[in-house]
Amino acid sequence: MIDFVAVDRFFKDRGAETSQPFDNDLQAYSLHNGDVFAYVGKNSQPLRISLKVDEILIRHLVERYESVMPGHKLDPNKWLTLLITGQLSDQEVTDLMDRSVSLAKGL
């Protein structure tokens, strides 16, 4: 199952910069333009990942999976929050993270 170290490496390998805008537990990821595309709770159990993605994908995943919710304390039309419980495969989580990075890059 994906853990914080794997998520952190994944985003940094794609050029993400990190910050901790709210507290030491919440890691924000952005590209050089400064727009945040992901938040990860470093110590959350289960691991919580919030990703900026497109609205149609959010609705589809929220309806299908209990471990996917509209963005926690974020715009629910632009963000989703994943609880890494094993309900989504590692590949599905990685694909969503990759989609978030691609959107942040304007691809």
PDB file of N, CA and C in Angstrom:
ATOM      1  N   MET A   1       0.851  -1.177   0.000  1.00  0.00           N
ATOM      2  CA  MET A   1       0.000   0.000   0.000  1.00  0.00           C
ATOM      3  C   MET A   1       0.902   1.248   0.000  1.00  0.00           C
ATOM      4  N   ILE A   2       0.484   2.249  -0.708  1.00  0.00           N
ATOM      5  CA  ILE A   2       1.248   3.487  -0.829  1.00  0.00           C
ATOM      6  C   ILE A   2       1.355   4.178   0.533  1.00  0.00           C
ATOM      7  N   ASP A   3       2.551   4.675   0.835  1.00  0.00           N
ATOM      8  CA  ASP A   3       2.770   5.409   2.080  1.00  0.00           C
ATOM      9  C   ASP A   3       3.259   6.827   1.757  1.00  0.00           C
ATOM     10  N   PHE A   4       3.454   7.626   2.809  1.00  0.00           N
ATOM     11  CA  PHE A   4       3.856   9.017   2.609  1.00  0.00           C
ATOM     12  C   PHE A   4       5.173   9.128   1.840  1.00  0.00           C
ATOM     13  N   VAL A   5       6.138   8.293   2.154  1.00  0.00           N
ATOM     14  CA  VAL A   5       7.447   8.354   1.489  1.00  0.00           C
ATOM     15  C   VAL A   5       7.298   8.154  -0.017  1.00  0.00           C
ATOM     16  N   ALA A   6       6.466   7.200  -0.424  1.00  0.00           N
ATOM     17  CA  ALA A   6       6.248   6.934  -1.853  1.00  0.00           C
ATOM     18  C   ALA A   6       5.555   8.107  -2.535  1.00  0.00           C
ATOM     19  N   VAL A   7       4.572   8.708  -1.873  1.00  0.00           N
ATOM     20  CA  VAL A   7       3.869   9.861  -2.439  1.00  0.00           C
ATOM     21  C   VAL A   7       4.825  11.039  -2.584  1.00  0.00           C
ATOM     22  N   ASP A   8       5.593  11.300  -1.543  1.00  0.00           N
ATOM     23  CA  ASP A   8       6.552  12.399  -1.559  1.00  0.00           C
ATOM     24  C   ASP A   8       7.560  12.227  -2.702  1.00  0.00           C
ATOM     25  N   ARG A   9       8.099  11.044  -2.849  1.00  0.00           N
ATOM     26  CA  ARG A   9       9.066  10.752  -3.918  1.00  0.00           C
ATOM     27  C   ARG A   9       8.414  10.925  -5.289  1.00  0.00           C
ATOM     28  N   PHE A  10       7.195  10.426  -5.444  1.00  0.00           N
ATOM     29  CA  PHE A  10       6.471  10.517  -6.712  1.00  0.00           C
ATOM     30  C   PHE A  10       6.351  11.979  -7.151  1.00  0.00           C
ATOM     31  N   PHE A  11       5.875  12.840  -6.252  1.00  0.00           N
ATOM     32  CA  PHE A  11       5.681  14.245  -6.609  1.00  0.00           C
ATOM     33  C   PHE A  11       7.010  14.968  -6.843  1.00  0.00           C
ATOM     34  N   LYS A  12       7.989  14.729  -6.004  1.00  0.00           N
ATOM     35  CA  LYS A  12       9.293  15.388  -6.170  1.00  0.00           C
ATOM     36  C   LYS A  12       9.982  14.944  -7.458  1.00  0.00           C
ATOM     37  N   ASP A  13       9.810  13.686  -7.847  1.00  0.00           N
ATOM     38  CA  ASP A  13      10.382  13.200  -9.107  1.00  0.00           C
ATOM     39  C   ASP A  13       9.768  13.906 -10.309  1.00  0.00           C
ATOM     40  N   ARG A  14       8.607  14.494 -10.136  1.00  0.00           N
ATOM     41  CA  ARG A  14       7.930  15.209 -11.209  1.00  0.00           C
ATOM     42  C   ARG A  14       8.098  16.719 -11.098  1.00  0.00           C
ATOM     43  N   GLY A  15       9.032  17.133 -10.267  1.00  0.00           N
ATOM     44  CA  GLY A  15       9.377  18.544 -10.169  1.00  0.00           C
ATOM     45  C   GLY A  15       8.618  19.351  -9.146  1.00  0.00           C
ATOM     46  N   ALA A  16       7.897  18.702  -8.260  1.00  0.00           N
ATOM     47  CA  ALA A  16       7.105  19.430  -7.261  1.00  0.00           C
ATOM     48  C   ALA A  16       7.988  20.024  -6.169  1.00  0.00           C
ATOM     49  N   GLU A  17       7.556  21.170  -5.708  1.00  0.00           N
ATOM     50  CA  GLU A  17       8.160  21.816  -4.547  1.00  0.00           C
ATOM     51  C   GLU A  17       7.223  21.575  -3.371  1.00  0.00           C
ATOM     52  N   THR A  18       7.771  21.593  -2.160  1.00  0.00           N
ATOM     53  CA  THR A  18       6.944  21.330  -0.986  1.00  0.00           C
ATOM     54  C   THR A  18       6.924  22.529  -0.049  1.00  0.00           C
ATOM     55  N   SER A  19       5.849  22.598   0.717  1.00  0.00           N
ATOM     56  CA  SER A  19       5.729  23.599   1.768  1.00  0.00           C
ATOM     57  C   SER A  19       4.796  23.037   2.829  1.00  0.00           C
ATOM     58  N   GLN A  20       4.766  23.689   3.967  1.00  0.00           N
ATOM     59  CA  GLN A  20       3.872  23.300   5.051  1.00  0.00           C
ATOM     60  C   GLN A  20       3.092  24.548   5.467  1.00  0.00           C
ATOM     61  N   PRO A  21       2.039  24.868   4.713  1.00  0.00           N
ATOM     62  CA  PRO A  21       1.341  26.143   4.911  1.00  0.00           C
ATOM     63  C   PRO A  21       0.500  26.246   6.180  1.00  0.00           C
ATOM     64  N   PHE A  22       0.113  25.130   6.748  1.00  0.00           N
ATOM     65  CA  PHE A  22      -0.800  25.191   7.887  1.00  0.00           C
ATOM     66  C   PHE A  22      -0.203  24.622   9.162  1.00  0.00           C
ATOM     67  N   ASP A  23       0.409  23.457   9.065  1.00  0.00           N
ATOM     68  CA  ASP A  23       1.047  22.854  10.227  1.00  0.00           C
ATOM     69  C   ASP A  23       2.092  21.855   9.746  1.00  0.00           C
ATOM     70  N   ASN A  24       2.837  21.298  10.649  1.00  0.00           N
ATOM     71  CA  ASN A  24       3.917  20.387  10.283  1.00  0.00           C
ATOM     72  C   ASN A  24       3.421  19.063   9.719  1.00  0.00           C
ATOM     73  N   ASP A  25       2.162  18.725   9.944  1.00  0.00           N
ATOM     74  CA  ASP A  25       1.654  17.441   9.456  1.00  0.00           C
ATOM     75  C   ASP A  25       1.189  17.508   8.006  1.00  0.00           C
ATOM     76  N   LEU A  26       0.793  18.666   7.537  1.00  0.00           N
ATOM     77  CA  LEU A  26       0.229  18.792   6.198  1.00  0.00           C
ATOM     78  C   LEU A  26       1.282  19.296   5.219  1.00  0.00           C
ATOM     79  N   GLN A  27       1.622  18.450   4.260  1.00  0.00           N
ATOM     80  CA  GLN A  27       2.616  18.781   3.241  1.00  0.00           C
ATOM     81  C   GLN A  27       1.871  19.206   1.979  1.00  0.00           C
ATOM     82  N   ALA A  28       2.199  20.387   1.448  1.00  0.00           N
ATOM     83  CA  ALA A  28       1.609  20.879   0.207  1.00  0.00           C
ATOM     84  C   ALA A  28       2.610  20.689  -0.928  1.00  0.00           C
ATOM     85  N   TYR A  29       2.103  20.373  -2.113  1.00  0.00           N
ATOM     86  CA  TYR A  29       2.942  20.181  -3.294  1.00  0.00           C
ATOM     87  C   TYR A  29       2.488  21.143  -4.377  1.00  0.00           C
ATOM     88  N   SER A  30       3.446  21.822  -4.970  1.00  0.00           N
ATOM     89  CA  SER A  30       3.151  22.760  -6.049  1.00  0.00           C
ATOM     90  C   SER A  30       4.263  22.691  -7.081  1.00  0.00           C
ATOM     91  N   LEU A  31       3.976  23.264  -8.240  1.00  0.00           N
ATOM     92  CA  LEU A  31       5.004  23.385  -9.267  1.00  0.00           C
ATOM     93  C   LEU A  31       5.602  24.779  -9.147  1.00  0.00           C
ATOM     94  N   HIS A  32       6.464  25.133 -10.035  1.00  0.00           N
ATOM     95  CA  HIS A  32       7.176  26.401  -9.951  1.00  0.00           C
ATOM     96  C   HIS A  32       6.257  27.620 -10.018  1.00  0.00           C
ATOM     97  N   ASN A  33       5.045  27.446 -10.550  1.00  0.00           N
ATOM     98  CA  ASN A  33       4.111  28.568 -10.615  1.00  0.00           C
ATOM     99  C   ASN A  33       3.449  28.851  -9.268  1.00  0.00           C
ATOM    100  N   GLY A  34       3.659  27.990  -8.296  1.00  0.00           N
ATOM    101  CA  GLY A  34       3.142  28.205  -6.950  1.00  0.00           C
ATOM    102  C   GLY A  34       1.746  27.662  -6.698  1.00  0.00           C
ATOM    103  N   ASP A  35       1.064  27.195  -7.736  1.00  0.00           N
ATOM    104  CA  ASP A  35      -0.275  26.650  -7.552  1.00  0.00           C
ATOM    105  C   ASP A  35      -0.196  25.259  -6.925  1.00  0.00           C
ATOM    106  N   VAL A  36      -0.823  25.109  -5.773  1.00  0.00           N
ATOM    107  CA  VAL A  36      -0.812  23.829  -5.069  1.00  0.00           C
ATOM    108  C   VAL A  36      -1.741  22.859  -5.789  1.00  0.00           C
ATOM    109  N   PHE A  37      -1.261  21.633  -6.010  1.00  0.00           N
ATOM    110  CA  PHE A  37      -2.081  20.608  -6.655  1.00  0.00           C
ATOM    111  C   PHE A  37      -2.314  19.406  -5.753  1.00  0.00           C
ATOM    112  N   ALA A  38      -1.651  19.343  -4.590  1.00  0.00           N
ATOM    113  CA  ALA A  38      -1.845  18.206  -3.686  1.00  0.00           C
ATOM    114  C   ALA A  38      -1.493  18.600  -2.255  1.00  0.00           C
ATOM    115  N   TYR A  39      -2.219  18.005  -1.326  1.00  0.00           N
ATOM    116  CA  TYR A  39      -1.916  18.093   0.104  1.00  0.00           C
ATOM    117  C   TYR A  39      -1.865  16.666   0.634  1.00  0.00           C
ATOM    118  N   VAL A  40      -0.889  16.389   1.478  1.00  0.00           N
ATOM    119  CA  VAL A  40      -0.765  15.053   2.054  1.00  0.00           C
ATOM    120  C   VAL A  40      -0.563  15.175   3.555  1.00  0.00           C
ATOM    121  N   GLY A  41      -1.362  14.442   4.310  1.00  0.00           N
ATOM    122  CA  GLY A  41      -1.194  14.384   5.764  1.00  0.00           C
ATOM    123  C   GLY A  41      -0.074  13.412   6.094  1.00  0.00           C
ATOM    124  N   LYS A  42       1.080  13.928   6.462  1.00  0.00           N
ATOM    125  CA  LYS A  42       2.265  13.088   6.662  1.00  0.00           C
ATOM    126  C   LYS A  42       2.051  12.000   7.712  1.00  0.00           C
ATOM    127  N   ASN A  43       1.316  12.315   8.751  1.00  0.00           N
ATOM    128  CA  ASN A  43       1.143  11.365   9.847  1.00  0.00           C
ATOM    129  C   ASN A  43      -0.278  10.841   9.961  1.00  0.00           C
ATOM    130  N   SER A  44      -1.121  11.132   8.982  1.00  0.00           N
ATOM    131  CA  SER A  44      -2.514  10.693   9.078  1.00  0.00           C
ATOM    132  C   SER A  44      -2.618   9.181   8.916  1.00  0.00           C
ATOM    133  N   GLN A  45      -3.520   8.587   9.678  1.00  0.00           N
ATOM    134  CA  GLN A  45      -3.774   7.155   9.613  1.00  0.00           C
ATOM    135  C   GLN A  45      -5.264   6.949   9.414  1.00  0.00           C
ATOM    136  N   PRO A  46      -5.719   6.450   8.281  1.00  0.00           N
ATOM    137  CA  PRO A  46      -4.918   6.093   7.117  1.00  0.00           C
ATOM    138  C   PRO A  46      -4.395   7.350   6.413  1.00  0.00           C
ATOM    139  N   LEU A  47      -3.420   7.135   5.544  1.00  0.00           N
ATOM    140  CA  LEU A  47      -2.848   8.245   4.802  1.00  0.00           C
ATOM    141  C   LEU A  47      -3.956   8.973   4.041  1.00  0.00           C
ATOM    142  N   ARG A  48      -3.931  10.311   4.127  1.00  0.00           N
ATOM    143  CA  ARG A  48      -4.937  11.154   3.467  1.00  0.00           C
ATOM    144  C   ARG A  48      -4.228  11.995   2.417  1.00  0.00           C
ATOM    145  N   ILE A  49      -4.713  11.892   1.168  1.00  0.00           N
ATOM    146  CA  ILE A  49      -4.145  12.654   0.057  1.00  0.00           C
ATOM    147  C   ILE A  49      -5.270  13.451  -0.589  1.00  0.00           C
ATOM    148  N   SER A  50      -5.112  14.766  -0.686  1.00  0.00           N
ATOM    149  CA  SER A  50      -6.068  15.602  -1.402  1.00  0.00           C
ATOM    150  C   SER A  50      -5.428  16.037  -2.708  1.00  0.00           C
ATOM    151  N   LEU A  51      -6.158  15.841  -3.805  1.00  0.00           N
ATOM    152  CA  LEU A  51      -5.639  16.118  -5.138  1.00  0.00           C
ATOM    153  C   LEU A  51      -6.581  17.046  -5.901  1.00  0.00           C
ATOM    154  N   LYS A  52      -5.998  17.949  -6.649  1.00  0.00           N
ATOM    155  CA  LYS A  52      -6.764  18.810  -7.534  1.00  0.00           C
ATOM    156  C   LYS A  52      -6.956  18.046  -8.842  1.00  0.00           C
ATOM    157  N   VAL A  53      -8.212  17.772  -9.191  1.00  0.00           N
ATOM    158  CA  VAL A  53      -8.530  17.031 -10.413  1.00  0.00           C
ATOM    159  C   VAL A  53      -9.794  17.621 -11.038  1.00  0.00           C
ATOM    160  N   ASP A  54     -10.240  17.039 -12.154  1.00  0.00           N
ATOM    161  CA  ASP A  54     -11.406  17.589 -12.829  1.00  0.00           C
ATOM    162  C   ASP A  54     -12.704  17.098 -12.200  1.00  0.00           C
ATOM    163  N   GLU A  55     -13.735  17.903 -12.331  1.00  0.00           N
ATOM    164  CA  GLU A  55     -15.007  17.693 -11.646  1.00  0.00           C
ATOM    165  C   GLU A  55     -15.684  16.376 -12.028  1.00  0.00           C
ATOM    166  N   ILE A  56     -15.630  15.995 -13.276  1.00  0.00           N
ATOM    167  CA  ILE A  56     -16.282  14.758 -13.713  1.00  0.00           C
ATOM    168  C   ILE A  56     -15.639  13.547 -13.029  1.00  0.00           C
ATOM    169  N   LEU A  57     -14.330  13.555 -12.939  1.00  0.00           N
ATOM    170  CA  LEU A  57     -13.608  12.467 -12.273  1.00  0.00           C
ATOM    171  C   LEU A  57     -13.977  12.409 -10.793  1.00  0.00           C
ATOM    172  N   ILE A  58     -14.088  13.552 -10.161  1.00  0.00           N
ATOM    173  CA  ILE A  58     -14.450  13.602  -8.741  1.00  0.00           C
ATOM    174  C   ILE A  58     -15.806  12.926  -8.529  1.00  0.00           C
ATOM    175  N   ARG A  59     -16.808  13.337  -9.299  1.00  0.00           N
ATOM    176  CA  ARG A  59     -18.152  12.768  -9.129  1.00  0.00           C
ATOM    177  C   ARG A  59     -18.156  11.254  -9.338  1.00  0.00           C
ATOM    178  N   HIS A  60     -17.471  10.811 -10.360  1.00  0.00           N
ATOM    179  CA  HIS A  60     -17.415   9.379 -10.668  1.00  0.00           C
ATOM    180  C   HIS A  60     -16.791   8.587  -9.505  1.00  0.00           C
ATOM    181  N   LEU A  61     -15.658   9.059  -9.004  1.00  0.00           N
ATOM    182  CA  LEU A  61     -14.951   8.322  -7.951  1.00  0.00           C
ATOM    183  C   LEU A  61     -15.671   8.371  -6.615  1.00  0.00           C
ATOM    184  N   VAL A  62     -16.272   9.516  -6.289  1.00  0.00           N
ATOM    185  CA  VAL A  62     -17.005   9.647  -5.024  1.00  0.00           C
ATOM    186  C   VAL A  62     -18.197   8.698  -4.997  1.00  0.00           C
ATOM    187  N   GLU A  63     -18.856   8.539  -6.129  1.00  0.00           N
ATOM    188  CA  GLU A  63     -19.998   7.627  -6.206  1.00  0.00           C
ATOM    189  C   GLU A  63     -19.568   6.164  -6.112  1.00  0.00           C
ATOM    190  N   ARG A  64     -18.373   5.870  -6.558  1.00  0.00           N
ATOM    191  CA  ARG A  64     -17.920   4.479  -6.667  1.00  0.00           C
ATOM    192  C   ARG A  64     -17.182   3.956  -5.427  1.00  0.00           C
ATOM    193  N   TYR A  65     -16.456   4.818  -4.722  1.00  0.00           N
ATOM    194  CA  TYR A  65     -15.584   4.371  -3.626  1.00  0.00           C
ATOM    195  C   TYR A  65     -15.886   5.103  -2.323  1.00  0.00           C
ATOM    196  N   GLU A  66     -15.960   4.367  -1.236  1.00  0.00           N
ATOM    197  CA  GLU A  66     -16.148   4.964   0.091  1.00  0.00           C
ATOM    198  C   GLU A  66     -14.915   5.734   0.541  1.00  0.00           C
ATOM    199  N   SER A  67     -13.743   5.341   0.059  1.00  0.00           N
ATOM    200  CA  SER A  67     -12.501   5.969   0.500  1.00  0.00           C
ATOM    201  C   SER A  67     -12.138   7.211  -0.318  1.00  0.00           C
ATOM    202  N   VAL A  68     -13.047   7.642  -1.198  1.00  0.00           N
ATOM    203  CA  VAL A  68     -12.842   8.862  -1.985  1.00  0.00           C
ATOM    204  C   VAL A  68     -13.959   9.825  -1.636  1.00  0.00           C
ATOM    205  N   MET A  69     -13.573  11.045  -1.256  1.00  0.00           N
ATOM    206  CA  MET A  69     -14.541  12.060  -0.847  1.00  0.00           C
ATOM    207  C   MET A  69     -14.244  13.359  -1.574  1.00  0.00           C
ATOM    208  N   PRO A  70     -15.244  14.247  -1.662  1.00  0.00           N
ATOM    209  CA  PRO A  70     -14.927  15.585  -2.163  1.00  0.00           C
ATOM    210  C   PRO A  70     -13.845  16.187  -1.273  1.00  0.00           C
ATOM    211  N   GLY A  71     -13.099  17.115  -1.807  1.00  0.00           N
ATOM    212  CA  GLY A  71     -11.976  17.711  -1.082  1.00  0.00           C
ATOM    213  C   GLY A  71     -12.309  18.126   0.332  1.00  0.00           C
ATOM    214  N   HIS A  72     -11.550  17.623   1.279  1.00  0.00           N
ATOM    215  CA  HIS A  72     -11.728  17.944   2.698  1.00  0.00           C
ATOM    216  C   HIS A  72     -11.255  19.381   2.936  1.00  0.00           C
ATOM    217  N   LYS A  73     -12.193  20.284   3.262  1.00  0.00           N
ATOM    218  CA  LYS A  73     -11.918  21.701   3.492  1.00  0.00           C
ATOM    219  C   LYS A  73     -11.381  22.402   2.246  1.00  0.00           C
ATOM    220  N   LEU A  74     -11.692  21.864   1.072  1.00  0.00           N
ATOM    221  CA  LEU A  74     -11.256  22.423  -0.202  1.00  0.00           C
ATOM    222  C   LEU A  74     -12.468  22.497  -1.127  1.00  0.00           C
ATOM    223  N   ASP A  75     -12.336  23.182  -2.251  1.00  0.00           N
ATOM    224  CA  ASP A  75     -13.425  23.287  -3.219  1.00  0.00           C
ATOM    225  C   ASP A  75     -13.798  21.889  -3.706  1.00  0.00           C
ATOM    226  N   PRO A  76     -15.001  21.394  -3.370  1.00  0.00           N
ATOM    227  CA  PRO A  76     -15.382  20.025  -3.731  1.00  0.00           C
ATOM    228  C   PRO A  76     -15.574  19.814  -5.230  1.00  0.00           C
ATOM    229  N   ASN A  77     -15.580  20.880  -6.007  1.00  0.00           N
ATOM    230  CA  ASN A  77     -15.691  20.759  -7.455  1.00  0.00           C
ATOM    231  C   ASN A  77     -14.330  20.639  -8.126  1.00  0.00           C
ATOM    232  N   LYS A  78     -13.265  20.904  -7.380  1.00  0.00           N
ATOM    233  CA  LYS A  78     -11.923  20.867  -7.955  1.00  0.00           C
ATOM    234  C   LYS A  78     -10.981  19.922  -7.217  1.00  0.00           C
ATOM    235  N   TRP A  79     -11.380  19.457  -6.046  1.00  0.00           N
ATOM    236  CA  TRP A  79     -10.496  18.646  -5.210  1.00  0.00           C
ATOM    237  C   TRP A  79     -11.206  17.386  -4.746  1.00  0.00           C
ATOM    238  N   LEU A  80     -10.440  16.309  -4.635  1.00  0.00           N
ATOM    239  CA  LEU A  80     -10.937  15.099  -3.990  1.00  0.00           C
ATOM    240  C   LEU A  80      -9.933  14.678  -2.932  1.00  0.00           C
ATOM    241  N   THR A  81     -10.415  13.968  -1.950  1.00  0.00           N
ATOM    242  CA  THR A  81      -9.561  13.450  -0.889  1.00  0.00           C
ATOM    243  C   THR A  81      -9.642  11.937  -0.887  1.00  0.00           C
ATOM    244  N   LEU A  82      -8.469  11.315  -0.917  1.00  0.00           N
ATOM    245  CA  LEU A  82      -8.359   9.861  -0.893  1.00  0.00           C
ATOM    246  C   LEU A  82      -7.908   9.417   0.489  1.00  0.00           C
ATOM    247  N   LEU A  83      -8.553   8.400   1.014  1.00  0.00           N
ATOM    248  CA  LEU A  83      -8.047   7.715   2.200  1.00  0.00           C
ATOM    249  C   LEU A  83      -7.404   6.441   1.689  1.00  0.00           C
ATOM    250  N   ILE A  84      -6.129   6.266   1.972  1.00  0.00           N
ATOM    251  CA  ILE A  84      -5.404   5.109   1.458  1.00  0.00           C
ATOM    252  C   ILE A  84      -5.658   3.926   2.387  1.00  0.00           C
ATOM    253  N   THR A  85      -6.706   3.177   2.043  1.00  0.00           N
ATOM    254  CA  THR A  85      -7.148   2.049   2.861  1.00  0.00           C
ATOM    255  C   THR A  85      -6.967   0.710   2.160  1.00  0.00           C
ATOM    256  N   GLY A  86      -6.592   0.754   0.882  1.00  0.00           N
ATOM    257  CA  GLY A  86      -6.494  -0.458   0.089  1.00  0.00           C
ATOM    258  C   GLY A  86      -7.686  -0.644  -0.831  1.00  0.00           C
ATOM    259  N   GLN A  87      -8.728   0.177  -0.664  1.00  0.00           N
ATOM    260  CA  GLN A  87      -9.883   0.072  -1.552  1.00  0.00           C
ATOM    261  C   GLN A  87      -9.491   0.401  -2.991  1.00  0.00           C
ATOM    262  N   LEU A  88      -8.681   1.442  -3.170  1.00  0.00           N
ATOM    263  CA  LEU A  88      -8.107   1.761  -4.476  1.00  0.00           C
ATOM    264  C   LEU A  88      -6.752   1.067  -4.567  1.00  0.00           C
ATOM    265  N   SER A  89      -6.437   0.528  -5.725  1.00  0.00           N
ATOM    266  CA  SER A  89      -5.128  -0.094  -5.899  1.00  0.00           C
ATOM    267  C   SER A  89      -4.039   0.969  -5.919  1.00  0.00           C
ATOM    268  N   ASP A  90      -2.812   0.564  -5.676  1.00  0.00           N
ATOM    269  CA  ASP A  90      -1.684   1.498  -5.763  1.00  0.00           C
ATOM    270  C   ASP A  90      -1.630   2.140  -7.140  1.00  0.00           C
ATOM    271  N   GLN A  91      -1.920   1.374  -8.186  1.00  0.00           N
ATOM    272  CA  GLN A  91      -1.895   1.914  -9.547  1.00  0.00           C
ATOM    273  C   GLN A  91      -2.972   2.975  -9.745  1.00  0.00           C
ATOM    274  N   GLU A  92      -4.160   2.753  -9.187  1.00  0.00           N
ATOM    275  CA  GLU A  92      -5.229   3.754  -9.300  1.00  0.00           C
ATOM    276  C   GLU A  92      -4.842   5.042  -8.577  1.00  0.00           C
ATOM    277  N   VAL A  93      -4.246   4.909  -7.400  1.00  0.00           N
ATOM    278  CA  VAL A  93      -3.805   6.089  -6.648  1.00  0.00           C
ATOM    279  C   VAL A  93      -2.714   6.819  -7.425  1.00  0.00           C
ATOM    280  N   THR A  94      -1.758   6.078  -7.950  1.00  0.00           N
ATOM    281  CA  THR A  94      -0.672   6.674  -8.735  1.00  0.00           C
ATOM    282  C   THR A  94      -1.219   7.378  -9.971  1.00  0.00           C
ATOM    283  N   ASP A  95      -2.188   6.776 -10.641  1.00  0.00           N
ATOM    284  CA  ASP A  95      -2.795   7.405 -11.814  1.00  0.00           C
ATOM    285  C   ASP A  95      -3.473   8.724 -11.447  1.00  0.00           C
ATOM    286  N   LEU A  96      -4.147   8.764 -10.303  1.00  0.00           N
ATOM    287  CA  LEU A  96      -4.794  10.001  -9.856  1.00  0.00           C
ATOM    288  C   LEU A  96      -3.756  11.072  -9.513  1.00  0.00           C
ATOM    289  N   MET A  97      -2.675  10.658  -8.866  1.00  0.00           N
ATOM    290  CA  MET A  97      -1.612  11.624  -8.544  1.00  0.00           C
ATOM    291  C   MET A  97      -0.997  12.156  -9.825  1.00  0.00           C
ATOM    292  N   ASP A  98      -0.783  11.289 -10.803  1.00  0.00           N
ATOM    293  CA  ASP A  98      -0.223  11.704 -12.081  1.00  0.00           C
ATOM    294  C   ASP A  98      -1.166  12.672 -12.799  1.00  0.00           C
ATOM    295  N   ARG A  99      -2.458  12.404 -12.732  1.00  0.00           N
ATOM    296  CA  ARG A  99      -3.459  13.297 -13.348  1.00  0.00           C
ATOM    297  C   ARG A  99      -3.402  14.674 -12.705  1.00  0.00           C
ATOM    298  N   SER A 100      -3.251  14.732 -11.401  1.00  0.00           N
ATOM    299  CA  SER A 100      -3.176  15.996 -10.689  1.00  0.00           C
ATOM    300  C   SER A 100      -1.945  16.801 -11.119  1.00  0.00           C
ATOM    301  N   VAL A 101      -0.812  16.125 -11.251  1.00  0.00           N
ATOM    302  CA  VAL A 101       0.406  16.798 -11.710  1.00  0.00           C
ATOM    303  C   VAL A 101       0.221  17.307 -13.135  1.00  0.00           C
ATOM    304  N   SER A 102      -0.353  16.489 -14.000  1.00  0.00           N
ATOM    305  CA  SER A 102      -0.569  16.891 -15.399  1.00  0.00           C
ATOM    306  C   SER A 102      -1.470  18.122 -15.491  1.00  0.00           C
ATOM    307  N   LEU A 103      -2.526  18.155 -14.693  1.00  0.00           N
ATOM    308  CA  LEU A 103      -3.393  19.319 -14.694  1.00  0.00           C
ATOM    309  C   LEU A 103      -2.654  20.569 -14.215  1.00  0.00           C
ATOM    310  N   ALA A 104      -1.814  20.398 -13.193  1.00  0.00           N
ATOM    311  CA  ALA A 104      -1.042  21.533 -12.679  1.00  0.00           C
ATOM    312  C   ALA A 104      -0.061  22.051 -13.720  1.00  0.00           C
ATOM    313  N   LYS A 105       0.422  21.158 -14.585  1.00  0.00           N
ATOM    314  CA  LYS A 105       1.344  21.558 -15.653  1.00  0.00           C
ATOM    315  C   LYS A 105       0.594  22.099 -16.864  1.00  0.00           C
ATOM    316  N   GLY A 106      -0.729  22.019 -16.835  1.00  0.00           N
ATOM    317  CA  GLY A 106      -1.523  22.506 -17.963  1.00  0.00           C
ATOM    318  C   GLY A 106      -1.607  21.539 -19.115  1.00  0.00           C
ATOM    319  N   LEU A 107      -1.375  20.255 -18.857  1.00  0.00           N
ATOM    320  CA  LEU A 107      -1.419  19.243 -19.920  1.00  0.00           C
ATOM    321  C   LEU A 107      -2.789  18.619 -20.055  1.00  0.00           C
TER     322      LEU A 107
END
